[in-house]
Amino acid sequence: MSDSNIQQPHIIIGDGNPNSARISSEGSDQTLNGHQHQNLFSNANGHNNRIGEDNAYREDKVERSDGGEKGDDGEDESKKPVGFWHPSLKKTRTAVFGLWFRTTIILSLFILTVLSLYWAVFFHVIQNTPSLIVWIVDFDAQVAPYTSVKPLLGPMVTQMTEQMVAEDVPEHLGYVTVPASQFNYDPMQVREAVWQQDCWAAILVNANATALLQSSVETGNASYDPLGAMQFIYEDARDQETFYDYLYPGLSKLQTEITSKFGEQWTMQVLSNTSISRANLQKVPQALSPAVGFSTFNLRPFIYETTPAVTVGLIYLIIIAFFSFTFFLPVHMKYVSPDEGHPPLKFAQLIIWRWISTIVAYLIMSLSYSFVSLAFQIPFTNAPTSHTVVGDSPNAFGHGTFAVYWMINFVGMIALGLACENVAMIIGNPWTAFWLIFWVITNVSTSFYPIELEPRFFYWGYAWPLHNIVEATRTTLYDLHSRLGLNFGILFAWAAVNSLVFPAACWFMRWKTQKEKKKAEEKKEQ
């Protein structure tokens, strides 16, 4: 078959004119001259070029609508860094300035409010030193066989202290004259009262104070000891800082004044008495100077190795309890996380699991905390001793002291920690930092310093957890007067209240999380 016999479709190509651009399907032969052939394909090439340009333009618009307009270097213009004062940041700058100002005001008000609690602890310390009660007990010449002697020392001491209180001498302690009859004329009952913490200290004038002094100069008794005239009874383990900062300076000054004043009066009286032999006086010079003095009885000495256990170390108990929430929350949330590939745990059972696991964690962590004190050889095995004798580092429960110490820390961590758990779930970040500062300051302010010296505003501190932890710990480690029933009762009350609040706090945190998640999804859809 020849080429001339092949039927080909007629192709009529134009530049967009309907009269010059159509396809014929008739298949009839037509002859195109060279000029017509050239024009047709020239028009077709131009049309195809325009179609290609249009397609390229559309593709470029699609790319720009997806990724934003791009510069010559291909970088997204919307993501290119700009200067601080660029017009596009105007709204953002206004919002940031507002948030910065609001945050600064909130922090400033928090500082003024919460830190003032700590500063206020020392606001009236000097004015409140009379609240540190010191008993003055005069036994001088009130017990047989010394009742026939005219007392000299006892009346002078009571008169001096009563005058200090009446004249409101600056920085004087709370001197209270207590009759010897209140103790059945038994000096050991005075020591018992100090151990019972009925007073912070006691000055006791012995029954034979005047009688032995007079006898020594009359007979030349060289064995006379001035320190046998009076007793100074205290226990610095009750609060070593309070004793050495406030009690000891005042009592030391009082002792100096007593010995100085009495010594002056007594020396003049002896030297003016011609019946007393000068030879006898030469045998007992101590009966003239200092004439009288104080025997010191520290019933429960403070052990300096125990300082962290009853002071700053307990701050870490609060911090550990606080941060345990952050560590354990992601662990608990695995029960309800959709990424774990299992159905979520029932919410009520999740709450039960969280509470039980938290308490067990406190039990283990409090044991570790207690082991630190044991590792650094704080005594936990010494036997208790009599209340009226000077103890040699006695413990309240002998070999059982460590177990009690652990339980104090355990129940204390529950009281401190569950409160942190509840507040953290309710207020959330970043406000939990405020709570931690508030919780530490209020507990420290009412635990490491005697509430007696603080303004009455702080009397709520008697019910605060750390105050009872400190008091119970001192009782256990130093064999002090026990209020463990009260201490544990208050700590268990904190634990019970926070346990009741715990489910509500868990529910509130879930509600708040779901609300924020829903809000984020709605914003994403927009």
Protein backbone atom coordinates (compact mmCIF):
# COMPACT_ATOMS: atom_id res chain seq x y z
CA MET A 1 0.00 0.00 0.00
CA SER A 2 1.40 3.37 -0.97
CA ASP A 3 1.69 6.36 1.29
CA SER A 4 -0.77 8.26 -0.83
CA ASN A 5 -3.48 5.77 -0.06
CA ILE A 6 -3.19 6.17 3.78
CA GLN A 7 -6.02 8.20 5.29
CA GLN A 8 -4.92 10.68 7.95
CA PRO A 9 -7.11 12.90 10.14
CA HIS A 10 -7.24 16.53 9.29
CA ILE A 11 -5.56 18.65 11.94
CA ILE A 12 -6.48 22.29 11.94
CA ILE A 13 -4.55 24.17 14.62
CA GLY A 14 -5.18 27.79 15.45
CA ASP A 15 -4.20 30.41 17.96
CA GLY A 16 -7.38 30.26 19.90
CA ASN A 17 -9.77 31.42 17.16
CA PRO A 18 -12.61 28.91 16.82
CA ASN A 19 -12.42 29.29 13.07
CA SER A 20 -8.75 28.32 12.99
CA ALA A 21 -8.49 25.70 15.73
CA ARG A 22 -10.48 22.47 15.37
CA ILE A 23 -9.89 18.72 14.83
CA SER A 24 -11.64 16.98 12.01
CA SER A 25 -12.52 13.31 12.25
CA GLU A 26 -13.71 12.94 8.73
CA GLY A 27 -10.38 11.59 7.52
CA SER A 28 -10.49 13.26 4.05
CA ASP A 29 -7.24 14.10 2.29
CA GLN A 30 -6.29 17.70 1.97
CA THR A 31 -3.13 19.26 0.64
CA LEU A 32 -1.36 21.92 2.65
CA ASN A 33 1.14 24.07 0.96
CA GLY A 34 4.41 24.85 2.61
CA HIS A 35 3.37 28.31 3.66
CA GLN A 36 0.21 27.11 5.31
CA HIS A 37 2.10 24.25 6.98
CA GLN A 38 4.62 26.59 8.47
CA ASN A 39 2.03 29.01 9.82
CA LEU A 40 -0.03 26.31 11.38
CA PHE A 41 2.84 24.81 13.39
CA SER A 42 4.18 28.24 14.29
CA ASN A 43 0.82 29.09 15.85
CA ALA A 44 0.71 25.74 17.57
CA ASN A 45 4.12 26.23 19.19
CA GLY A 46 3.15 29.67 20.50
CA HIS A 47 -0.05 28.35 21.94
CA ASN A 48 1.76 25.48 23.66
CA ASN A 49 4.27 27.93 25.17
CA ARG A 50 1.47 29.97 26.65
CA ILE A 51 -0.18 26.87 28.05
CA GLY A 52 3.13 25.86 29.66
CA GLU A 53 3.57 29.29 31.21
CA ASP A 54 0.04 29.23 32.58
CA ASN A 55 0.61 25.78 34.13
CA ALA A 56 3.93 26.89 35.67
CA TYR A 57 2.24 29.97 37.13
CA ARG A 58 -0.56 27.90 38.65
CA GLU A 59 1.94 25.42 40.13
CA ASP A 60 3.92 28.28 41.62
CA LYS A 61 0.77 29.73 43.21
CA VAL A 62 -0.03 26.35 44.73
CA GLU A 63 3.44 26.10 46.22
CA ARG A 64 3.21 29.61 47.63
CA SER A 65 -0.20 29.01 49.13
CA ASP A 66 1.20 25.95 50.93
CA GLY A 67 4.43 27.38 52.19
CA GLY A 68 4.12 31.14 51.99
CA GLU A 69 5.87 33.44 49.64
CA LYS A 70 9.52 32.75 49.28
CA GLY A 71 12.35 35.07 48.60
CA ASP A 72 15.16 34.62 46.18
CA ASP A 73 17.00 32.37 48.60
CA GLY A 74 13.95 30.08 49.04
CA GLU A 75 13.42 31.03 52.76
CA ASP A 76 9.89 31.40 54.13
CA GLU A 77 9.34 35.14 54.62
CA SER A 78 6.96 34.59 57.60
CA LYS A 79 9.66 32.68 59.47
CA LYS A 80 12.51 35.03 58.77
CA PRO A 81 13.71 36.78 62.01
CA VAL A 82 12.90 40.47 62.32
CA GLY A 83 13.96 43.26 64.65
CA PHE A 84 12.38 43.95 68.05
CA TRP A 85 10.52 47.04 66.80
CA HIS A 86 9.31 45.48 63.53
CA PRO A 87 5.68 46.45 62.80
CA SER A 88 4.60 42.80 62.60
CA LEU A 89 5.48 42.37 66.30
CA LYS A 90 3.38 45.28 67.51
CA LYS A 91 0.52 43.19 68.90
CA THR A 92 2.92 40.63 70.34
CA ARG A 93 4.97 43.35 72.06
CA THR A 94 1.84 44.80 73.64
CA ALA A 95 0.75 41.37 74.90
CA VAL A 96 4.22 40.54 76.25
CA PHE A 97 4.52 43.90 78.03
CA GLY A 98 1.14 43.33 79.67
CA LEU A 99 2.00 39.82 80.80
CA TRP A 100 5.41 40.92 82.05
CA PHE A 101 3.90 43.77 84.08
CA ARG A 102 1.19 41.54 85.54
CA THR A 103 3.66 38.80 86.48
CA THR A 104 6.03 41.30 88.10
CA ILE A 105 3.19 42.78 90.18
CA ILE A 106 2.05 39.32 91.29
CA LEU A 107 5.58 38.31 92.29
CA SER A 108 6.11 41.59 94.14
CA LEU A 109 2.87 41.24 96.08
CA PHE A 110 3.78 37.63 96.89
CA ILE A 111 7.18 38.73 98.21
CA LEU A 112 5.61 41.43 100.38
CA THR A 113 2.95 39.09 101.73
CA VAL A 114 4.66 35.75 102.27
CA LEU A 115 8.21 36.82 103.10
CA SER A 116 6.77 39.27 105.62
CA LEU A 117 5.66 36.23 107.61
CA TYR A 118 9.28 35.28 108.17
CA TRP A 119 10.48 38.80 108.97
CA ALA A 120 7.56 39.27 111.39
CA VAL A 121 8.77 36.35 113.50
CA PHE A 122 11.53 38.58 114.92
CA PHE A 123 9.52 41.78 114.99
CA HIS A 124 8.81 41.78 118.75
CA VAL A 125 11.42 39.36 120.03
CA ILE A 126 12.92 41.77 122.59
CA GLN A 127 9.51 42.89 123.81
CA ASN A 128 8.40 39.28 124.13
CA THR A 129 11.35 37.96 126.12
CA PRO A 130 9.25 38.16 129.34
CA SER A 131 7.24 35.28 127.85
CA LEU A 132 10.27 33.05 128.52
CA ILE A 133 9.29 32.09 132.06
CA VAL A 134 12.04 31.60 134.66
CA TRP A 135 11.00 30.52 138.13
CA ILE A 136 12.63 31.93 141.23
CA VAL A 137 12.17 29.48 144.11
CA ASP A 138 13.41 30.44 147.57
CA PHE A 139 14.06 27.56 149.94
CA ASP A 140 16.42 29.59 152.12
CA ALA A 141 15.84 28.82 155.82
CA GLN A 142 12.45 27.26 155.09
CA VAL A 143 13.35 23.61 155.68
CA ALA A 144 14.45 22.01 158.95
CA PRO A 145 16.96 22.19 160.54
CA TYR A 146 17.59 25.67 159.09
CA THR A 147 14.32 27.33 159.96
CA SER A 148 15.83 29.14 162.95
CA VAL A 149 18.30 31.04 160.74
CA LYS A 150 17.42 34.49 159.44
CA PRO A 151 17.59 34.16 155.64
CA LEU A 152 19.75 36.68 153.79
CA LEU A 153 20.30 35.34 150.28
CA GLY A 154 16.80 34.10 149.36
CA PRO A 155 14.90 37.32 150.10
CA MET A 156 17.51 39.41 148.27
CA VAL A 157 17.24 37.29 145.11
CA THR A 158 13.45 37.35 145.01
CA GLN A 159 13.40 41.09 145.74
CA MET A 160 15.87 41.78 142.91
CA THR A 161 13.96 39.81 140.28
CA GLU A 162 10.58 41.19 141.33
CA GLN A 163 11.98 44.70 141.08
CA MET A 164 13.27 44.00 137.56
CA VAL A 165 9.81 42.86 136.48
CA ALA A 166 8.07 45.80 138.19
CA GLU A 167 10.38 48.36 136.62
CA ASP A 168 10.13 46.63 133.24
CA VAL A 169 13.88 46.50 132.79
CA PRO A 170 14.70 46.17 129.06
CA GLU A 171 15.22 42.61 127.80
CA HIS A 172 14.39 41.04 131.17
CA LEU A 173 13.08 37.52 131.21
CA GLY A 174 9.78 36.41 132.66
CA TYR A 175 10.89 36.03 136.27
CA VAL A 176 8.16 34.53 138.44
CA THR A 177 8.56 33.99 142.17
CA VAL A 178 7.13 30.61 143.13
CA PRO A 179 6.86 29.62 146.82
CA ALA A 180 8.74 26.54 147.97
CA SER A 181 5.54 25.20 149.50
CA GLN A 182 4.20 24.60 145.96
CA PHE A 183 6.87 21.89 145.63
CA ASN A 184 6.42 20.47 149.12
CA TYR A 185 9.81 21.98 149.97
CA ASP A 186 11.46 19.40 147.70
CA PRO A 187 14.10 20.77 145.29
CA MET A 188 13.74 17.67 143.09
CA GLN A 189 10.18 18.68 142.27
CA VAL A 190 11.54 21.95 140.88
CA ARG A 191 13.75 19.97 138.53
CA GLU A 192 10.78 17.84 137.59
CA ALA A 193 8.81 20.98 136.74
CA VAL A 194 11.61 22.19 134.48
CA TRP A 195 11.65 18.80 132.74
CA GLN A 196 7.86 19.00 132.39
CA GLN A 197 8.49 22.32 130.59
CA ASP A 198 6.36 24.31 133.01
CA CYS A 199 9.08 26.94 132.72
CA TRP A 200 12.18 27.47 130.61
CA ALA A 201 14.55 27.54 133.60
CA ALA A 202 14.57 27.87 137.36
CA ILE A 203 16.80 29.57 139.92
CA LEU A 204 16.60 27.81 143.25
CA VAL A 205 18.06 29.16 146.50
CA ASN A 206 18.98 26.19 148.64
CA ALA A 207 17.55 25.81 152.12
CA ASN A 208 20.99 25.94 153.77
CA ALA A 209 22.37 28.84 151.71
CA THR A 210 22.51 31.45 154.49
CA ALA A 211 23.13 28.93 157.26
CA LEU A 212 26.24 27.38 155.68
CA LEU A 213 27.68 30.76 154.73
CA GLN A 214 27.37 32.11 158.25
CA SER A 215 28.73 28.92 159.76
CA SER A 216 31.75 28.95 157.45
CA VAL A 217 32.97 32.38 158.57
CA GLU A 218 32.21 31.70 162.20
CA THR A 219 34.04 28.38 162.33
CA GLY A 220 36.57 28.84 159.55
CA ASN A 221 35.17 25.90 157.56
CA ALA A 222 37.61 25.67 154.65
CA SER A 223 35.43 23.11 152.85
CA TYR A 224 32.71 25.67 152.20
CA ASP A 225 31.72 25.80 148.51
CA PRO A 226 29.96 28.98 147.31
CA LEU A 227 28.41 27.02 144.41
CA GLY A 228 26.25 25.16 146.92
CA ALA A 229 24.23 28.28 147.68
CA MET A 230 21.98 28.28 144.58
CA GLN A 231 20.98 26.07 141.65
CA PHE A 232 20.47 27.03 138.02
CA ILE A 233 18.28 24.39 136.35
CA TYR A 234 17.47 24.20 132.61
CA GLU A 235 17.53 21.90 129.56
CA ASP A 236 18.96 23.43 126.40
CA ALA A 237 17.84 20.45 124.26
CA ARG A 238 14.34 21.93 124.40
CA ASP A 239 15.56 24.68 122.06
CA GLN A 240 19.28 25.33 122.03
CA GLU A 241 19.08 28.52 119.96
CA THR A 242 16.47 30.09 122.20
CA PHE A 243 18.45 29.22 125.28
CA TYR A 244 21.80 30.58 124.10
CA ASP A 245 20.39 33.58 122.23
CA TYR A 246 17.90 34.84 124.78
CA LEU A 247 17.85 32.89 128.03
CA TYR A 248 21.53 32.45 128.77
CA PRO A 249 22.56 36.12 128.29
CA GLY A 250 19.79 37.31 130.61
CA LEU A 251 20.41 34.64 133.21
CA SER A 252 24.16 35.16 133.11
CA LYS A 253 23.66 38.87 133.72
CA LEU A 254 21.30 38.11 136.61
CA GLN A 255 23.77 35.72 138.21
CA THR A 256 26.51 38.33 138.02
CA GLU A 257 24.29 40.95 139.61
CA ILE A 258 23.22 38.60 142.40
CA THR A 259 26.73 37.54 143.35
CA SER A 260 28.05 41.09 143.06
CA LYS A 261 25.31 42.74 145.08
CA PHE A 262 25.12 40.07 147.74
CA GLY A 263 28.92 39.85 147.98
CA GLU A 264 29.13 43.58 148.63
CA GLN A 265 26.46 43.52 151.33
CA TRP A 266 27.80 40.35 152.91
CA THR A 267 31.41 41.54 153.05
CA MET A 268 30.41 44.78 154.77
CA GLN A 269 28.34 42.83 157.27
CA VAL A 270 31.13 40.36 158.06
CA LEU A 271 33.86 42.97 158.39
CA SER A 272 31.69 45.07 160.68
CA ASN A 273 31.10 42.07 162.96
CA THR A 274 33.95 42.14 165.45
CA SER A 275 32.95 38.79 166.91
CA ILE A 276 34.19 36.99 163.82
CA SER A 277 37.81 35.92 164.07
CA ARG A 278 40.15 37.24 161.40
CA ALA A 279 41.96 33.91 161.50
CA ASN A 280 38.77 32.12 160.53
CA LEU A 281 38.23 34.54 157.66
CA GLN A 282 41.69 33.80 156.39
CA LYS A 283 40.80 30.11 156.28
CA VAL A 284 37.70 30.67 154.12
CA PRO A 285 38.39 33.57 151.72
CA GLN A 286 35.80 32.09 149.35
CA ALA A 287 33.16 32.90 152.00
CA LEU A 288 33.84 36.59 151.36
CA SER A 289 34.45 36.53 147.63
CA PRO A 290 32.42 35.40 145.83
CA ALA A 291 30.53 34.21 148.96
CA VAL A 292 27.75 32.63 146.87
CA GLY A 293 27.43 31.11 143.42
CA PHE A 294 25.34 28.82 141.22
CA SER A 295 25.52 25.11 140.57
CA THR A 296 24.38 24.45 137.01
CA PHE A 297 22.15 21.51 136.10
CA ASN A 298 21.49 21.02 132.40
CA LEU A 299 19.01 18.17 132.64
CA ARG A 300 18.96 17.42 128.89
CA PRO A 301 22.06 18.69 127.06
CA PHE A 302 21.74 19.38 123.38
CA ILE A 303 23.74 17.05 121.10
CA TYR A 304 25.22 19.09 118.27
CA GLU A 305 25.42 16.09 115.95
CA THR A 306 21.63 16.09 115.91
CA THR A 307 21.34 19.64 114.56
CA PRO A 308 20.18 18.67 111.03
CA ALA A 309 17.58 16.28 112.40
CA VAL A 310 15.74 18.99 114.36
CA THR A 311 16.44 22.12 112.31
CA VAL A 312 17.37 22.78 108.69
CA GLY A 313 17.36 19.11 107.70
CA LEU A 314 13.58 19.02 108.11
CA ILE A 315 13.19 21.59 105.32
CA TYR A 316 14.30 18.87 102.94
CA LEU A 317 11.46 16.70 104.20
CA ILE A 318 9.07 19.32 102.82
CA ILE A 319 10.96 19.62 99.54
CA ILE A 320 11.13 15.84 99.01
CA ALA A 321 7.42 15.51 99.67
CA PHE A 322 6.69 18.38 97.28
CA PHE A 323 8.75 17.16 94.32
CA SER A 324 7.60 13.57 94.62
CA PHE A 325 4.36 14.72 92.94
CA THR A 326 6.27 15.76 89.82
CA PHE A 327 8.18 12.49 89.67
CA PHE A 328 5.24 10.15 90.23
CA LEU A 329 2.49 11.86 88.19
CA PRO A 330 3.80 10.65 84.77
CA VAL A 331 4.01 7.15 86.23
CA HIS A 332 0.37 7.22 87.38
CA MET A 333 -0.85 8.67 84.06
CA LYS A 334 0.31 5.58 82.16
CA TYR A 335 -2.89 3.92 83.32
CA VAL A 336 -4.97 6.41 81.33
CA SER A 337 -2.59 7.31 78.49
CA PRO A 338 -3.98 6.40 75.01
CA ASP A 339 -0.44 5.86 73.74
CA GLU A 340 -0.02 2.76 75.91
CA GLY A 341 -2.32 0.65 73.74
CA HIS A 342 -4.77 -0.41 76.46
CA PRO A 343 -8.15 0.82 77.73
CA PRO A 344 -7.91 3.50 80.43
CA LEU A 345 -8.21 2.58 84.10
CA LYS A 346 -11.42 3.55 85.85
CA PHE A 347 -11.03 6.97 87.40
CA ALA A 348 -12.10 5.91 90.92
CA GLN A 349 -9.56 3.09 90.91
CA LEU A 350 -6.89 5.44 89.60
CA ILE A 351 -7.49 7.68 92.61
CA ILE A 352 -7.21 4.72 94.99
CA TRP A 353 -3.99 3.58 93.30
CA ARG A 354 -2.49 7.08 93.49
CA TRP A 355 -3.30 7.48 97.19
CA ILE A 356 -1.99 4.05 98.22
CA SER A 357 1.16 4.29 96.10
CA THR A 358 1.85 7.79 97.44
CA ILE A 359 1.58 6.66 101.06
CA VAL A 360 3.83 3.65 100.41
CA ALA A 361 6.34 5.90 98.66
CA TYR A 362 6.34 8.20 101.71
CA LEU A 363 6.98 5.19 103.94
CA ILE A 364 10.07 4.21 101.93
CA MET A 365 11.38 7.75 101.43
CA SER A 366 10.96 8.61 105.12
CA LEU A 367 12.98 5.51 105.97
CA SER A 368 15.77 6.69 103.67
CA TYR A 369 15.59 10.13 105.28
CA SER A 370 15.85 8.54 108.74
CA PHE A 371 18.79 6.38 107.66
CA VAL A 372 20.80 9.55 106.97
CA SER A 373 20.68 10.45 110.69
CA LEU A 374 21.58 6.89 111.61
CA ALA A 375 24.49 6.85 109.17
CA PHE A 376 26.01 9.93 110.80
CA GLN A 377 25.89 8.31 114.22
CA ILE A 378 23.13 10.24 115.88
CA PRO A 379 22.44 8.13 119.01
CA PHE A 380 19.30 6.01 118.84
CA THR A 381 19.99 3.32 121.42
CA ASN A 382 20.70 5.16 124.69
CA ALA A 383 18.45 4.32 127.61
CA PRO A 384 16.15 6.96 129.12
CA THR A 385 17.16 8.43 132.45
CA SER A 386 15.56 10.06 135.48
CA HIS A 387 13.90 13.40 134.89
CA THR A 388 15.72 15.06 137.78
CA VAL A 389 19.32 14.17 136.95
CA VAL A 390 21.61 15.45 134.24
CA GLY A 391 21.21 13.06 131.33
CA ASP A 392 24.05 11.73 129.20
CA SER A 393 22.42 11.88 125.76
CA PRO A 394 19.42 9.79 126.77
CA ASN A 395 16.87 8.62 124.19
CA ALA A 396 13.20 8.39 125.04
CA PHE A 397 12.65 4.79 123.89
CA GLY A 398 16.03 3.12 124.15
CA HIS A 399 16.58 0.69 121.26
CA GLY A 400 13.12 1.49 119.92
CA THR A 401 13.98 5.15 119.39
CA PHE A 402 14.85 4.78 115.71
CA ALA A 403 11.51 3.13 114.89
CA VAL A 404 9.63 5.99 116.58
CA TYR A 405 11.85 8.52 114.80
CA TRP A 406 11.02 6.86 111.46
CA MET A 407 7.29 6.96 112.19
CA ILE A 408 7.49 10.65 113.06
CA ASN A 409 9.10 11.36 109.70
CA PHE A 410 6.64 9.07 107.90
CA VAL A 411 3.47 10.61 109.34
CA GLY A 412 5.04 14.05 109.00
CA MET A 413 5.74 13.45 105.32
CA ILE A 414 2.11 12.40 104.81
CA ALA A 415 0.90 15.60 106.50
CA LEU A 416 3.29 17.77 104.49
CA GLY A 417 3.19 15.83 101.21
CA LEU A 418 -0.53 15.24 100.70
CA ALA A 419 -1.11 18.96 101.15
CA CYS A 420 1.44 19.58 98.38
CA GLU A 421 -0.24 16.95 96.16
CA ASN A 422 -3.66 18.55 96.54
CA VAL A 423 -2.49 22.09 95.97
CA ALA A 424 -0.38 21.09 92.95
CA MET A 425 -3.39 19.41 91.33
CA ILE A 426 -5.67 22.37 92.03
CA ILE A 427 -3.54 25.37 91.12
CA GLY A 428 -1.07 23.80 88.66
CA ASN A 429 2.08 25.37 87.26
CA PRO A 430 3.62 27.90 87.69
CA TRP A 431 1.68 28.67 90.87
CA THR A 432 2.97 25.57 92.64
CA ALA A 433 6.29 27.39 93.13
CA PHE A 434 4.41 29.99 95.18
CA TRP A 435 2.89 27.24 97.28
CA LEU A 436 6.27 25.64 98.01
CA ILE A 437 7.70 28.96 99.23
CA PHE A 438 4.60 29.64 101.33
CA TRP A 439 4.63 26.12 102.79
CA VAL A 440 8.32 26.27 103.70
CA ILE A 441 8.18 29.76 105.23
CA THR A 442 5.08 29.19 107.35
CA ASN A 443 6.39 25.87 108.66
CA VAL A 444 9.92 27.11 109.33
CA SER A 445 8.70 30.30 111.01
CA THR A 446 6.69 28.36 113.57
CA SER A 447 9.07 25.43 114.09
CA PHE A 448 12.67 26.61 114.34
CA TYR A 449 11.85 29.57 116.59
CA PRO A 450 9.84 29.59 119.82
CA ILE A 451 6.30 30.75 119.24
CA GLU A 452 6.41 32.34 122.71
CA LEU A 453 8.74 35.00 121.32
CA GLU A 454 6.65 35.62 118.21
CA PRO A 455 3.62 37.92 117.90
CA ARG A 456 0.35 36.29 118.87
CA PHE A 457 -0.58 36.17 115.19
CA PHE A 458 1.68 33.14 114.88
CA TYR A 459 -0.10 31.04 117.47
CA TRP A 460 -1.68 29.07 114.62
CA GLY A 461 1.81 27.59 114.28
CA TYR A 462 1.06 25.18 117.14
CA ALA A 463 -1.19 23.31 114.70
CA TRP A 464 1.24 23.38 111.75
CA PRO A 465 2.85 20.08 110.72
CA LEU A 466 6.53 20.93 111.03
CA HIS A 467 6.15 22.39 114.53
CA ASN A 468 4.83 19.05 115.74
CA ILE A 469 7.47 17.10 113.82
CA VAL A 470 10.24 19.14 115.46
CA GLU A 471 8.72 18.81 118.92
CA ALA A 472 8.18 15.06 118.55
CA THR A 473 11.72 14.57 117.22
CA ARG A 474 13.28 16.47 120.13
CA THR A 475 11.19 14.44 122.57
CA THR A 476 12.41 11.20 121.02
CA LEU A 477 16.08 12.06 120.63
CA TYR A 478 16.61 13.88 123.96
CA ASP A 479 14.10 12.19 126.27
CA LEU A 480 12.22 15.43 126.82
CA HIS A 481 8.74 15.79 128.28
CA SER A 482 6.50 13.87 125.90
CA ARG A 483 3.63 15.38 123.95
CA LEU A 484 3.79 12.65 121.32
CA GLY A 485 0.08 11.96 121.61
CA LEU A 486 -0.72 15.58 120.74
CA ASN A 487 1.98 15.71 118.05
CA PHE A 488 0.86 12.55 116.28
CA GLY A 489 -2.78 13.57 116.68
CA ILE A 490 -2.22 16.84 114.84
CA LEU A 491 -0.18 15.14 112.10
CA PHE A 492 -2.84 12.45 111.61
CA ALA A 493 -5.48 15.19 111.43
CA TRP A 494 -3.56 16.83 108.58
CA ALA A 495 -3.26 13.46 106.86
CA ALA A 496 -6.98 12.73 107.25
CA VAL A 497 -8.16 16.10 105.96
CA ASN A 498 -5.85 15.99 102.96
CA SER A 499 -6.89 12.40 102.22
CA LEU A 500 -10.52 13.55 102.09
CA VAL A 501 -9.60 16.41 99.75
CA PHE A 502 -7.45 14.15 97.55
CA PRO A 503 -10.27 12.67 95.37
CA ALA A 504 -11.77 16.12 94.77
CA ALA A 505 -8.36 17.47 93.78
CA CYS A 506 -7.85 14.56 91.36
CA TRP A 507 -11.25 15.19 89.79
CA PHE A 508 -10.54 18.91 89.47
CA MET A 509 -7.20 18.25 87.76
CA ARG A 510 -8.89 15.88 85.27
CA TRP A 511 -11.64 18.41 84.56
CA LYS A 512 -9.13 21.19 84.04
CA THR A 513 -6.97 19.01 81.75
CA GLN A 514 -9.95 17.98 79.63
CA LYS A 515 -11.10 21.57 79.36
CA GLU A 516 -7.68 22.74 78.20
CA LYS A 517 -7.44 19.86 75.72
CA LYS A 518 -10.86 20.67 74.26
CA LYS A 519 -9.97 24.32 73.97
CA ALA A 520 -6.75 23.46 72.14
CA GLU A 521 -8.62 21.21 69.68
CA GLU A 522 -11.17 23.92 68.93
CA LYS A 523 -8.41 26.41 68.33
CA LYS A 524 -6.65 23.96 66.00
CA GLU A 525 -9.83 23.43 63.95
CA GLN A 526 -10.19 27.17 63.46
